Protein backbone atom coordinates (compact mmCIF):
# COMPACT_ATOMS: atom_id res chain seq x y z
CA MET A 1 69.05 69.98 111.50
CA GLU A 2 66.88 72.52 113.90
CA LYS A 3 70.56 73.62 115.48
CA GLU A 4 72.11 74.02 112.22
CA GLN A 5 69.47 76.09 110.83
CA ASP A 6 69.24 78.14 113.97
CA TYR A 7 73.12 78.66 113.89
CA THR A 8 72.89 79.76 110.11
CA LEU A 9 69.86 82.18 111.66
CA VAL A 10 72.26 83.57 114.19
CA GLU A 11 74.91 83.83 111.49
CA HIS A 12 72.48 85.86 109.30
CA LEU A 13 71.82 87.90 111.90
CA THR A 14 75.13 88.60 113.08
CA GLU A 15 76.12 89.62 109.76
CA LEU A 16 73.56 91.89 109.45
CA ARG A 17 73.72 93.60 112.49
CA LYS A 18 78.01 93.90 111.44
CA ARG A 19 76.74 95.69 107.98
CA LEU A 20 74.11 97.96 109.75
CA ILE A 21 76.56 99.25 112.03
CA THR A 22 79.10 99.83 109.49
CA ILE A 23 76.45 101.76 107.65
CA VAL A 24 75.52 103.73 110.87
CA LEU A 25 79.17 104.39 111.67
CA THR A 26 79.85 105.83 108.50
CA PHE A 27 76.78 108.35 108.36
CA VAL A 28 77.66 109.14 111.65
CA LEU A 29 81.04 110.10 110.55
CA SER A 30 79.66 111.53 107.18
CA LEU A 31 77.55 114.30 109.14
CA GLY A 32 80.35 115.47 110.83
CA VAL A 33 82.18 115.86 107.48
CA GLY A 34 78.52 117.42 106.38
CA PHE A 35 78.49 119.99 109.01
CA TRP A 36 81.78 120.89 108.29
CA LEU A 37 80.92 121.23 104.21
CA ALA A 38 77.37 122.93 105.03
CA PRO A 39 78.67 126.24 105.02
CA LYS A 40 80.78 126.10 101.74
CA THR A 41 77.86 124.28 100.03
CA LEU A 42 75.29 127.21 101.28
CA ALA A 43 77.73 129.70 99.78
CA PHE A 44 77.83 127.96 96.30
CA ILE A 45 74.00 127.85 96.29
CA LYS A 46 73.83 131.30 97.22
CA SER A 47 76.29 132.43 94.40
CA GLN A 48 73.89 130.41 91.72
CA PRO A 49 71.90 132.70 89.69
CA THR A 50 68.55 130.91 90.83
CA ALA A 51 69.14 132.13 94.71
CA GLN A 52 70.11 136.00 93.34
CA HIS A 53 67.03 137.35 94.12
CA VAL A 54 66.19 135.52 97.34
CA GLU A 55 66.98 137.88 100.26
CA TRP A 56 68.69 135.75 102.78
CA ASN A 57 66.14 136.73 105.54
CA VAL A 58 65.22 134.55 108.25
CA PHE A 59 61.90 134.79 109.62
CA GLY A 60 62.13 132.47 112.65
CA TYR A 61 65.01 131.93 115.28
CA THR A 62 65.69 128.42 114.17
CA ASP A 63 65.54 128.82 110.69
CA GLY A 64 68.95 129.21 109.89
CA LEU A 65 70.00 126.11 112.40
CA LEU A 66 67.72 123.94 110.46
CA ILE A 67 68.60 124.99 106.92
CA TYR A 68 72.25 123.88 108.43
CA LEU A 69 71.08 120.56 109.47
CA LYS A 70 69.21 119.78 106.23
CA CYS A 71 72.02 120.49 104.37
CA ALA A 72 74.52 118.52 106.44
CA LEU A 73 72.36 115.63 106.66
CA LEU A 74 71.71 115.77 102.77
CA LEU A 75 75.69 115.77 102.18
CA ALA A 76 75.79 112.84 104.95
CA ILE A 77 73.27 110.87 102.67
CA LEU A 78 75.41 111.36 99.78
CA ILE A 79 78.33 110.38 101.41
CA THR A 80 76.98 107.47 102.83
CA LEU A 81 74.76 106.10 99.83
CA PRO A 82 77.31 104.17 98.17
CA ILE A 83 79.24 102.73 101.12
CA ALA A 84 75.58 101.49 102.29
CA MET A 85 74.92 99.79 98.83
CA GLN A 86 78.59 98.38 99.13
CA GLN A 87 77.13 96.99 102.66
CA LEU A 88 74.04 95.59 101.05
CA TRP A 89 75.71 93.66 98.13
CA LEU A 90 78.63 92.16 100.80
CA PHE A 91 75.28 90.88 103.01
CA VAL A 92 73.55 89.11 99.99
CA ARG A 93 76.68 88.40 98.31
CA PRO A 94 77.12 84.85 100.01
CA GLY A 95 73.59 84.01 99.01
CA LEU A 96 74.59 84.62 95.13
CA THR A 97 76.33 82.57 92.42
CA GLU A 98 79.58 83.79 91.07
CA LYS A 99 77.80 85.18 88.02
CA GLU A 100 75.16 86.84 90.24
CA SER A 101 77.89 88.40 92.34
CA LYS A 102 79.93 89.70 89.38
CA GLY A 103 76.61 91.21 88.29
CA ALA A 104 75.46 92.72 90.96
CA SER A 105 78.78 94.48 91.83
CA MET A 106 78.25 96.33 88.62
CA PHE A 107 74.69 98.28 90.37
CA ILE A 108 76.55 100.16 93.23
CA PRO A 109 78.42 102.67 90.85
CA PHE A 110 75.23 103.06 88.68
CA ALA A 111 72.91 103.40 91.22
CA PHE A 112 75.09 106.32 92.89
CA PHE A 113 75.55 107.75 89.50
CA LEU A 114 71.87 107.71 88.88
CA PHE A 115 71.15 109.49 92.11
CA LEU A 116 73.67 111.94 91.62
CA ALA A 117 72.25 112.66 87.96
CA GLY A 118 68.64 112.93 89.63
CA ILE A 119 69.90 115.60 91.77
CA SER A 120 71.89 117.36 89.63
CA PHE A 121 68.65 117.29 86.85
CA SER A 122 66.27 118.56 89.24
CA TYR A 123 68.51 121.30 90.81
CA PHE A 124 69.99 122.78 87.23
CA LEU A 125 66.91 122.32 85.29
CA ILE A 126 63.73 121.73 86.82
CA PHE A 127 64.40 123.90 89.94
CA PRO A 128 65.54 127.22 87.87
CA LEU A 129 62.17 126.52 85.47
CA MET A 130 59.75 126.22 88.22
CA LEU A 131 61.38 129.22 89.93
CA ASN A 132 61.07 131.29 86.83
CA PHE A 133 57.52 130.01 86.15
CA MET A 134 56.43 131.05 89.68
CA SER A 135 58.14 134.19 89.51
CA ASN A 136 56.26 135.03 86.39
CA ILE A 137 52.93 134.11 87.95
CA ASN A 138 53.43 136.37 90.92
CA GLU A 139 54.73 139.07 88.89
CA SER A 140 51.63 139.04 86.59
CA ILE A 141 49.05 139.46 89.63
CA GLY A 142 51.23 142.20 91.25
CA ALA A 143 52.70 140.23 94.35
CA THR A 144 55.40 141.40 95.70
CA GLU A 145 58.14 138.44 96.34
CA THR A 146 59.38 138.48 99.81
CA TYR A 147 61.38 135.12 100.56
CA GLY A 148 63.44 133.75 102.94
CA MET A 149 66.26 131.38 102.81
CA SER A 150 63.75 128.60 104.62
CA GLN A 151 61.39 128.57 101.98
CA TYR A 152 63.99 128.69 99.38
CA PHE A 153 65.97 125.66 100.75
CA THR A 154 62.69 123.46 101.71
CA PHE A 155 61.14 124.13 98.42
CA MET A 156 64.83 123.19 96.89
CA PHE A 157 65.38 119.62 99.05
CA ASN A 158 61.62 118.62 98.50
CA LEU A 159 62.18 118.77 95.08
CA ILE A 160 65.58 117.23 94.49
CA ILE A 161 65.77 114.46 96.91
CA PRO A 162 62.76 112.81 95.94
CA ILE A 163 64.00 113.19 92.17
CA GLY A 164 67.14 111.77 92.93
CA ILE A 165 65.23 108.76 94.18
CA VAL A 166 62.99 108.48 91.35
CA PHE A 167 65.96 108.12 88.83
CA GLU A 168 67.07 105.07 90.59
CA LEU A 169 64.06 103.30 88.49
CA PRO A 170 66.18 101.98 85.68
CA VAL A 171 69.00 100.14 88.11
CA VAL A 172 66.19 98.75 90.34
CA ILE A 173 64.53 97.34 86.77
CA LEU A 174 67.56 96.14 86.21
CA PHE A 175 68.42 94.43 89.03
CA LEU A 176 65.03 92.75 89.11
CA THR A 177 65.36 91.53 85.32
CA ARG A 178 68.99 89.71 86.47
CA LEU A 179 67.16 88.22 89.19
CA GLY A 180 64.51 87.06 86.60
CA ILE A 181 61.46 88.83 88.59
CA VAL A 182 60.39 91.29 86.14
CA THR A 183 61.08 90.70 82.07
CA PRO A 184 60.34 93.60 79.31
CA ASP A 185 57.24 92.04 78.12
CA ARG A 186 55.79 92.17 81.53
CA LEU A 187 56.59 95.66 81.73
CA ARG A 188 55.46 96.55 78.40
CA LYS A 189 52.16 94.78 79.59
CA MET A 190 51.88 97.20 82.53
CA ARG A 191 52.85 100.24 80.72
CA LYS A 192 49.79 101.69 81.39
CA ILE A 193 49.39 101.10 85.05
CA ALA A 194 53.10 102.33 85.42
CA TYR A 195 52.37 105.43 83.30
CA PHE A 196 49.59 106.08 85.84
CA VAL A 197 51.83 105.74 89.03
CA LEU A 198 54.60 107.90 87.59
CA VAL A 199 52.15 110.54 86.81
CA VAL A 200 50.80 110.49 90.34
CA VAL A 201 54.10 110.34 91.97
CA GLY A 202 55.53 113.68 89.81
CA VAL A 203 52.12 115.23 90.70
CA THR A 204 53.07 114.57 94.14
CA ILE A 205 56.45 115.89 94.20
CA THR A 206 55.89 119.05 92.18
CA PRO A 207 53.91 122.14 92.95
CA PRO A 208 50.64 122.55 91.86
CA ASP A 209 50.61 123.55 88.47
CA PHE A 210 50.67 122.16 85.01
CA VAL A 211 54.07 123.44 83.68
CA SER A 212 55.83 121.95 87.10
CA ASP A 213 54.10 118.53 86.72
CA PHE A 214 54.72 118.35 82.69
CA LEU A 215 58.45 119.21 83.55
CA ILE A 216 58.97 116.47 85.74
CA ILE A 217 56.33 113.89 84.49
CA ILE A 218 57.98 113.41 81.08
CA PRO A 219 61.48 112.54 82.50
CA LEU A 220 59.85 110.00 84.57
CA LEU A 221 57.56 108.37 81.61
CA LEU A 222 61.25 108.48 79.80
CA LEU A 223 62.82 106.91 82.70
CA PHE A 224 60.59 103.84 82.52
CA GLU A 225 60.76 103.50 78.82
CA ILE A 226 64.54 103.40 79.32
CA SER A 227 63.93 100.89 81.88
CA ILE A 228 62.23 98.60 79.73
CA ALA A 229 64.96 98.63 77.41
CA LEU A 230 67.81 98.18 79.53
CA SER A 231 65.73 94.90 80.48
CA ALA A 232 65.69 93.91 77.30
CA TRP A 233 69.44 94.48 76.48
CA SER A 234 69.98 92.54 79.97
CA LEU A 235 67.96 89.61 78.94
CA LYS A 236 69.18 89.49 75.71
CA ARG A 237 73.05 89.05 77.13
CA MET A 238 71.78 86.35 79.70
CA LYS A 239 70.36 84.48 77.10
CA ALA A 240 73.18 84.60 74.63
CA ARG A 241 76.07 83.67 77.89
CA GLU A 242 73.53 81.06 78.62
CA GLN A 243 73.86 79.96 75.04
CA ALA A 244 77.42 80.02 75.16
CA GLU A 245 78.23 78.38 78.17
CA GLN A 246 75.85 75.14 76.64
CA GLU A 247 77.54 75.22 73.11
CA ALA A 248 81.34 75.40 74.94
CA SER A 249 79.83 72.33 77.06
């Protein structure tokens, strides 16, 4: 019995290594694509209205290189993310029932879509509003704005990537509901604690001003309420399916 368990453990570790190698190789290849697309992506960002007032100065020899690497890295993550999700699903699929396997497969495109939605939301809405607000503050105190590309992109990356990750909240809640770990009632009971945590997260990933905090905290709270609604919908469908199967049998 012990040999059978050891063999099973070895099989799991071998399968995990296989999936991790696939993810790493995908990331390496994606990084090459990212390096190729980085100049075009930076040119697109430079053409956007939010970048028109920013002179593309560098204040250090490595500024341009670091921005180039960050852009390539972000593109590589975007390309690798759906593949990594698929490999994770393939790893856990043998331990799932047929129904659980079919239900879990839908989370891959859903999670990727939410990540892209979070990045788009932060870049096209939150980011311009923050830049405009802070520029108005600087102008009101008579300050002369002198920004380089490093300051612009560092601020942008530090904003859009965390928001993209936070936008995964609904799919995480939906997945945990399918596994029976959370329920809508539990989520409603922990609403106050969840709101506090989301407020802390919102304040952490935004600049220290009230308007920026408000612009990100409200969407985070809405995401949590959407997660509760999705959890209730998913649980209702699961119960209806179980009842239909019982009646059919």
